[in-house]
Protein backbone atom coordinates (compact mmCIF):
# COMPACT_ATOMS: atom_id res chain seq x y z
CA MET A 1 -20.57 -4.74 8.95
CA ALA A 2 -19.97 -6.62 5.61
CA ARG A 3 -17.13 -3.60 4.72
CA LYS A 4 -15.62 -4.37 7.67
CA TYR A 5 -16.08 -8.07 7.59
CA PHE A 6 -14.40 -8.28 4.36
CA VAL A 7 -10.71 -6.22 5.78
CA GLU A 8 -10.78 -8.26 8.95
CA LYS A 9 -10.83 -11.65 7.92
CA GLY A 10 -8.14 -13.32 5.72
CA LEU A 11 -4.32 -14.47 6.65
CA PRO A 12 -3.58 -12.79 10.20
CA VAL A 13 -0.01 -12.09 11.37
CA ARG A 14 0.18 -11.28 15.13
CA VAL A 15 2.95 -9.00 15.93
CA GLY A 16 2.88 -7.85 19.73
CA ARG A 17 -0.26 -6.51 20.55
CA ILE A 18 -1.18 -5.80 16.77
CA THR A 19 -2.62 -7.92 14.25
CA LEU A 20 -1.95 -7.76 10.67
CA ILE A 21 -4.09 -8.75 8.08
CA PHE A 22 -3.62 -9.94 4.27
CA ASN A 23 -7.40 -9.37 3.85
CA LEU A 24 -9.53 -10.99 1.31
CA THR A 25 -8.22 -8.60 -1.61
CA TRP A 26 -5.28 -10.89 -1.87
CA LEU A 27 -7.14 -13.93 -2.85
CA ILE A 28 -7.54 -12.08 -6.28
CA VAL A 29 -3.75 -10.22 -6.25
CA MET A 30 -1.64 -13.29 -5.01
CA PRO A 31 -2.99 -15.89 -8.04
CA VAL A 32 -2.57 -12.76 -10.72
CA GLY A 33 0.69 -11.72 -8.84
CA LEU A 34 2.16 -15.37 -9.17
CA TRP A 35 1.12 -15.57 -12.78
CA ALA A 36 2.55 -11.86 -13.60
CA ILE A 37 5.71 -13.21 -12.38
CA ALA A 38 5.84 -16.79 -14.06
CA ALA A 39 4.72 -15.47 -17.08
CA LEU A 40 6.16 -12.33 -17.69
CA TYR A 41 8.73 -11.10 -15.16
CA ILE A 42 11.19 -14.40 -15.34
CA PRO A 43 10.62 -15.33 -19.07
CA ILE A 44 12.17 -11.96 -19.70
CA PHE A 45 15.11 -12.10 -17.16
CA GLY A 46 15.13 -15.50 -16.48
CA SER A 47 14.13 -17.37 -19.56
CA PHE A 48 16.65 -20.07 -19.20
CA LEU A 49 15.30 -21.64 -15.91
CA SER A 50 13.66 -25.03 -15.90
CA PRO A 51 9.98 -25.02 -15.03
CA GLY A 52 11.06 -26.33 -11.40
CA ALA A 53 13.30 -23.12 -11.29
CA ILE A 54 10.38 -20.72 -12.52
CA GLY A 55 7.97 -22.22 -9.51
CA LEU A 56 10.64 -21.74 -7.10
CA VAL A 57 11.79 -18.06 -7.82
CA THR A 58 8.10 -17.22 -8.13
CA VAL A 59 7.22 -18.47 -4.40
CA LEU A 60 10.37 -17.14 -3.17
CA ILE A 61 9.57 -13.84 -4.88
CA ALA A 62 5.98 -13.79 -3.67
CA LEU A 63 7.02 -13.93 -0.13
CA LEU A 64 9.36 -11.20 -0.20
CA ALA A 65 7.09 -9.06 -1.85
CA ALA A 66 5.00 -10.03 1.49
CA LEU A 67 7.31 -9.35 3.92
CA SER A 68 7.75 -6.24 2.09
CA VAL A 69 4.46 -5.13 2.79
CA VAL A 70 4.24 -6.31 6.46
CA GLY A 71 7.51 -4.51 7.15
CA HIS A 72 6.06 -1.35 5.34
CA GLY A 73 3.07 -1.64 8.35
CA LEU A 74 5.28 -2.50 11.11
CA ALA A 75 7.56 0.49 10.63
CA HIS A 76 4.28 2.77 10.88
CA VAL A 77 3.54 0.75 14.11
CA PHE A 78 7.19 1.06 15.73
CA VAL A 79 7.81 4.78 15.01
CA ALA A 80 4.12 5.54 16.10
CA ARG A 81 4.58 3.91 19.24
CA ARG A 82 8.01 5.51 20.22
CA THR A 83 6.36 8.94 19.55
CA GLY A 84 3.10 8.10 22.12
CA ASN A 85 0.59 8.13 19.09
CA GLU A 86 -2.38 5.60 18.69
CA VAL A 87 -1.84 2.33 16.97
CA PRO A 88 -5.18 0.72 15.63
CA PRO A 89 -5.05 -3.41 17.16
CA ILE A 90 -5.92 -4.53 13.43
CA LEU A 91 -3.94 -3.35 10.31
CA SER A 92 -5.38 -4.39 7.37
CA LEU A 93 -2.97 -4.83 4.38
CA TRP A 94 -2.95 -4.03 0.48
CA LEU A 95 -0.80 -4.51 -1.79
CA PHE A 96 0.83 -0.99 -1.37
CA GLY A 97 1.07 -1.36 2.37
CA ASP A 98 -2.13 -0.05 4.39
CA THR A 99 -4.88 2.47 4.23
CA ALA A 100 -3.46 5.54 5.62
CA GLN A 101 -7.03 7.15 6.53
CA GLY A 102 -7.84 3.90 9.00
CA TRP A 103 -5.12 5.22 11.40
CA PRO A 104 -5.87 7.82 14.50
CA ALA A 105 -4.39 11.34 13.56
CA ALA A 106 -1.27 11.58 15.32
CA ASN A 107 -0.70 14.26 17.79
CA THR A 108 1.03 16.98 15.86
CA GLY A 109 1.82 17.23 12.03
CA GLY A 110 5.61 16.73 13.01
CA GLN A 111 4.62 13.27 13.94
CA GLU A 112 2.21 12.71 11.24
CA ILE A 113 5.20 12.93 9.06
CA LEU A 114 7.41 10.89 11.12
CA VAL A 115 4.97 8.07 11.41
CA MET A 116 4.11 7.72 7.37
CA ALA A 117 7.83 8.34 6.49
CA ALA A 118 9.22 5.44 8.67
CA ALA A 119 7.59 2.94 6.24
CA LEU A 120 8.82 5.09 3.20
CA LEU A 121 12.35 4.66 4.56
CA PHE A 122 12.18 1.05 5.32
CA ASN A 123 10.98 0.09 1.71
CA ALA A 124 13.58 2.57 0.41
CA LEU A 125 16.40 0.88 2.58
CA LEU A 126 15.34 -2.63 1.82
CA ALA A 127 15.65 -1.78 -2.24
CA GLY A 128 19.06 -0.63 -1.42
CA LEU A 129 19.73 -3.93 0.11
CA ALA A 130 18.20 -5.84 -2.62
CA TYR A 131 20.22 -3.85 -4.73
CA LEU A 132 23.75 -4.55 -3.61
CA ILE A 133 22.79 -8.06 -3.20
CA TRP A 134 21.73 -8.21 -6.64
CA ASN A 135 24.69 -6.26 -7.78
CA ALA A 136 27.07 -9.04 -6.12
CA GLN A 137 25.50 -11.64 -8.29
CA LEU A 138 25.70 -14.69 -5.95
CA ASN A 139 23.67 -16.82 -8.01
CA VAL A 140 20.64 -16.68 -10.62
CA TYR A 141 17.71 -17.31 -8.54
CA LEU A 142 19.05 -14.81 -5.54
CA ASN A 143 19.79 -12.41 -8.39
CA LEU A 144 16.30 -12.37 -10.06
CA SER A 145 14.61 -12.10 -6.60
CA MET A 146 16.61 -9.37 -5.55
CA LEU A 147 16.10 -7.22 -8.74
CA PHE A 148 12.34 -7.68 -8.18
CA LEU A 149 12.59 -6.93 -4.21
CA CYS A 150 14.32 -3.79 -5.41
CA GLY A 151 11.89 -2.70 -8.17
CA PHE A 152 8.93 -3.69 -5.70
CA ASN A 153 10.45 -1.64 -2.91
CA VAL A 154 11.06 1.67 -5.21
CA TRP A 155 7.36 0.92 -6.34
CA LEU A 156 6.11 1.09 -3.05
CA VAL A 157 7.85 4.34 -2.00
CA LEU A 158 6.84 6.11 -5.26
CA ILE A 159 2.90 4.80 -5.40
CA ASN A 160 2.91 6.02 -1.35
CA LEU A 161 4.06 9.74 -2.35
CA ILE A 162 1.37 10.30 -4.18
CA PRO A 163 -0.29 12.95 -1.45
CA ALA A 164 -4.03 11.47 -1.42
CA PHE A 165 -5.45 8.28 0.57
CA PRO A 166 -5.67 5.68 0.76
CA LEU A 167 -1.50 6.26 0.23
CA ASP A 168 0.60 7.51 2.59
CA GLY A 169 1.20 10.54 0.64
CA GLY A 170 -2.05 11.63 2.16
CA ARG A 171 -1.27 11.84 5.47
CA LEU A 172 1.92 13.22 4.94
CA LEU A 173 0.61 16.00 3.13
CA ARG A 174 -1.84 16.47 6.04
CA GLY A 175 1.01 16.83 8.15
CA VAL A 176 2.78 19.23 6.42
CA LEU A 177 -0.33 21.48 6.09
CA SER A 178 -1.30 21.91 9.65
CA ASP A 179 0.19 21.13 13.00
CA GLY A 180 -3.08 20.55 14.89
CA VAL A 181 -3.92 17.81 12.34
CA ARG A 182 -6.69 16.59 15.08
CA ARG A 183 -8.51 20.10 14.51
CA ASN A 184 -8.32 20.44 11.03
CA PRO A 185 -10.66 17.49 9.65
CA ARG A 186 -11.51 19.49 6.09
CA THR A 187 -7.91 18.39 5.65
CA SER A 188 -8.79 14.75 5.59
CA ARG A 189 -11.75 15.15 3.50
CA TRP A 190 -10.42 16.70 0.73
CA LEU A 191 -7.49 14.13 0.48
CA LEU A 192 -10.14 11.52 0.35
CA ARG A 193 -11.92 13.16 -2.31
CA LEU A 194 -8.78 13.26 -3.95
CA GLY A 195 -7.73 9.51 -3.40
CA TRP A 196 -11.23 9.00 -5.49
CA LEU A 197 -10.62 10.89 -7.88
CA ILE A 198 -7.10 9.55 -9.00
CA ALA A 199 -8.83 6.15 -8.89
CA ILE A 200 -11.25 6.94 -11.17
CA GLY A 201 -8.85 8.96 -13.56
CA LEU A 202 -6.45 5.52 -13.44
CA ILE A 203 -9.87 3.64 -14.59
CA GLY A 204 -9.81 6.21 -17.17
CA TRP A 205 -6.34 5.79 -18.25
CA GLY A 206 -6.61 2.25 -18.21
CA ALA A 207 -9.17 2.15 -20.46
CA LEU A 208 -7.13 4.57 -22.86
CA LEU A 209 -4.41 1.93 -22.82
CA PHE A 210 -6.42 -0.60 -23.78
CA LEU A 211 -7.59 1.15 -26.77
CA GLN A 212 -4.32 1.93 -28.02
CA HIS A 213 -3.28 -1.60 -28.01
CA SER A 214 -0.99 -1.08 -31.10
CA ARG A 215 0.78 1.26 -28.61
CA PHE A 216 0.65 -0.35 -25.23
CA SER A 217 0.04 -4.14 -24.31
CA LEU A 218 -3.38 -5.56 -22.95
CA GLU A 219 -1.45 -6.51 -19.65
CA THR A 220 -0.33 -2.55 -18.92
CA GLY A 221 -4.17 -1.65 -19.17
CA ALA A 222 -5.13 -4.05 -17.20
CA ILE A 223 -2.65 -3.47 -14.42
CA THR A 224 -3.56 0.16 -14.19
CA ILE A 225 -7.16 -0.96 -14.20
CA GLY A 226 -6.36 -3.44 -11.64
CA PHE A 227 -4.66 -1.20 -9.34
CA ALA A 228 -7.18 1.73 -9.84
CA LEU A 229 -9.71 -1.10 -8.20
CA LEU A 230 -7.31 -1.94 -5.64
CA LEU A 231 -7.24 1.69 -4.22
CA LEU A 232 -10.78 2.48 -4.74
CA ALA A 233 -11.75 -0.96 -2.58
CA ALA A 234 -9.26 0.33 0.10
CA LEU A 235 -11.14 3.88 -0.02
CA TRP A 236 -14.60 2.41 0.60
CA LEU A 237 -13.20 -0.73 2.96
CA SER A 238 -11.45 1.05 5.69
CA PRO A 239 -9.51 -0.88 8.19
CA ILE A 240 -11.17 1.15 11.25
CA GLY A 241 -14.49 2.70 10.46
CA GLN A 242 -15.46 3.10 6.71
CA THR A 243 -14.38 6.08 4.84
CA THR A 244 -17.78 7.56 4.96
CA ASP A 245 -18.23 7.14 8.55
CA LEU A 246 -14.74 9.25 8.79
CA LEU A 247 -16.24 12.09 6.38
CA HIS A 248 -19.54 12.04 8.94
CA ASN A 249 -17.43 12.17 11.99
CA GLU A 250 -15.33 14.74 10.86
CA ARG A 251 -18.30 17.07 9.62
CA HIS A 252 -19.85 16.61 13.25
CA ALA A 253 -16.31 17.40 14.98
CA SER A 254 -15.85 20.70 12.67
CA HIS A 255 -19.81 21.91 13.39
CA PRO A 256 -19.40 25.13 15.53
CA LEU A 257 -22.79 23.42 17.55
CA LEU A 258 -21.35 19.96 18.14
CA ARG A 259 -17.96 20.34 18.45
CA VAL A 260 -16.86 19.74 22.14
C-alpha cells in the first residue's frame, strides 16, 4: 500500500478517462533538474544572459521537458485505445516516461510493439521539430529552449530503446520475442530481472566515475547514479501492482496446475 501511495500521489493531469501523475519522485527530480539547467546547461550555451533571463529560460525548459514526458505517455494511451487494448486508469510518470511493466499486456506481439513505439516516434518527431525551430535562430531564449528540447527527446528515445523493464524497450523486445504475449510470462520475468541488473550496473559505473574524478566530472557520476536509482525505484514502484506482484502472478499463471 505504501508503494501504491507513493506513485499515485503527486501532481495529477486529467486527460479524458486517464489520469497522468507526476509522482513524488519529481520532488527530487525537479529541483535537481532546475539546478542542472541553470548551473550547468545555460552557462555553457548562454553565459551572456542576465540572472533574470536565466531564470526565465530555466522555467521554460522545465515546462517543455514535462510536456515531452506527458506526450510520451499520451502517445502510448492513444495507440493502445486505437488498437483495442486495455489502458491503465492511472499512469504514473517518471523522468523517462512511464513504467512499461505497469501496462497490461497487449493482445498480440505486433500491437505490443505499436503501443510502445508510438511514444518513441512522438519523441523523435518532437526532437526533429525542436531542431528545425532552433536552426531558424529566431531568438536566444527560443534557441536555448529548443536545443535542450531536441536533446532531451533524443535522450528519451535512446534510453527507452534499452531492452529491459521499466523502459519501453522491454515491451518492444517482449513483442518481438512472442506474438502470444499473454501466454509467455517468462519473458516478462527475464526483462524485469535484466532491468534490475542494468540499474545495479549503472550504480557501479557511476561509482567508478566518481573514483576517476581526474577524467570525469563529479556531476557525471552523480547523474549516472541518480538515474540508476530512478530506474530501481520505477522497478519497485510499479503503477499497477508492484513488480514483485507481477512476478508472483505470472508464476502462478504459468504453472500447469494453476493455469485457467
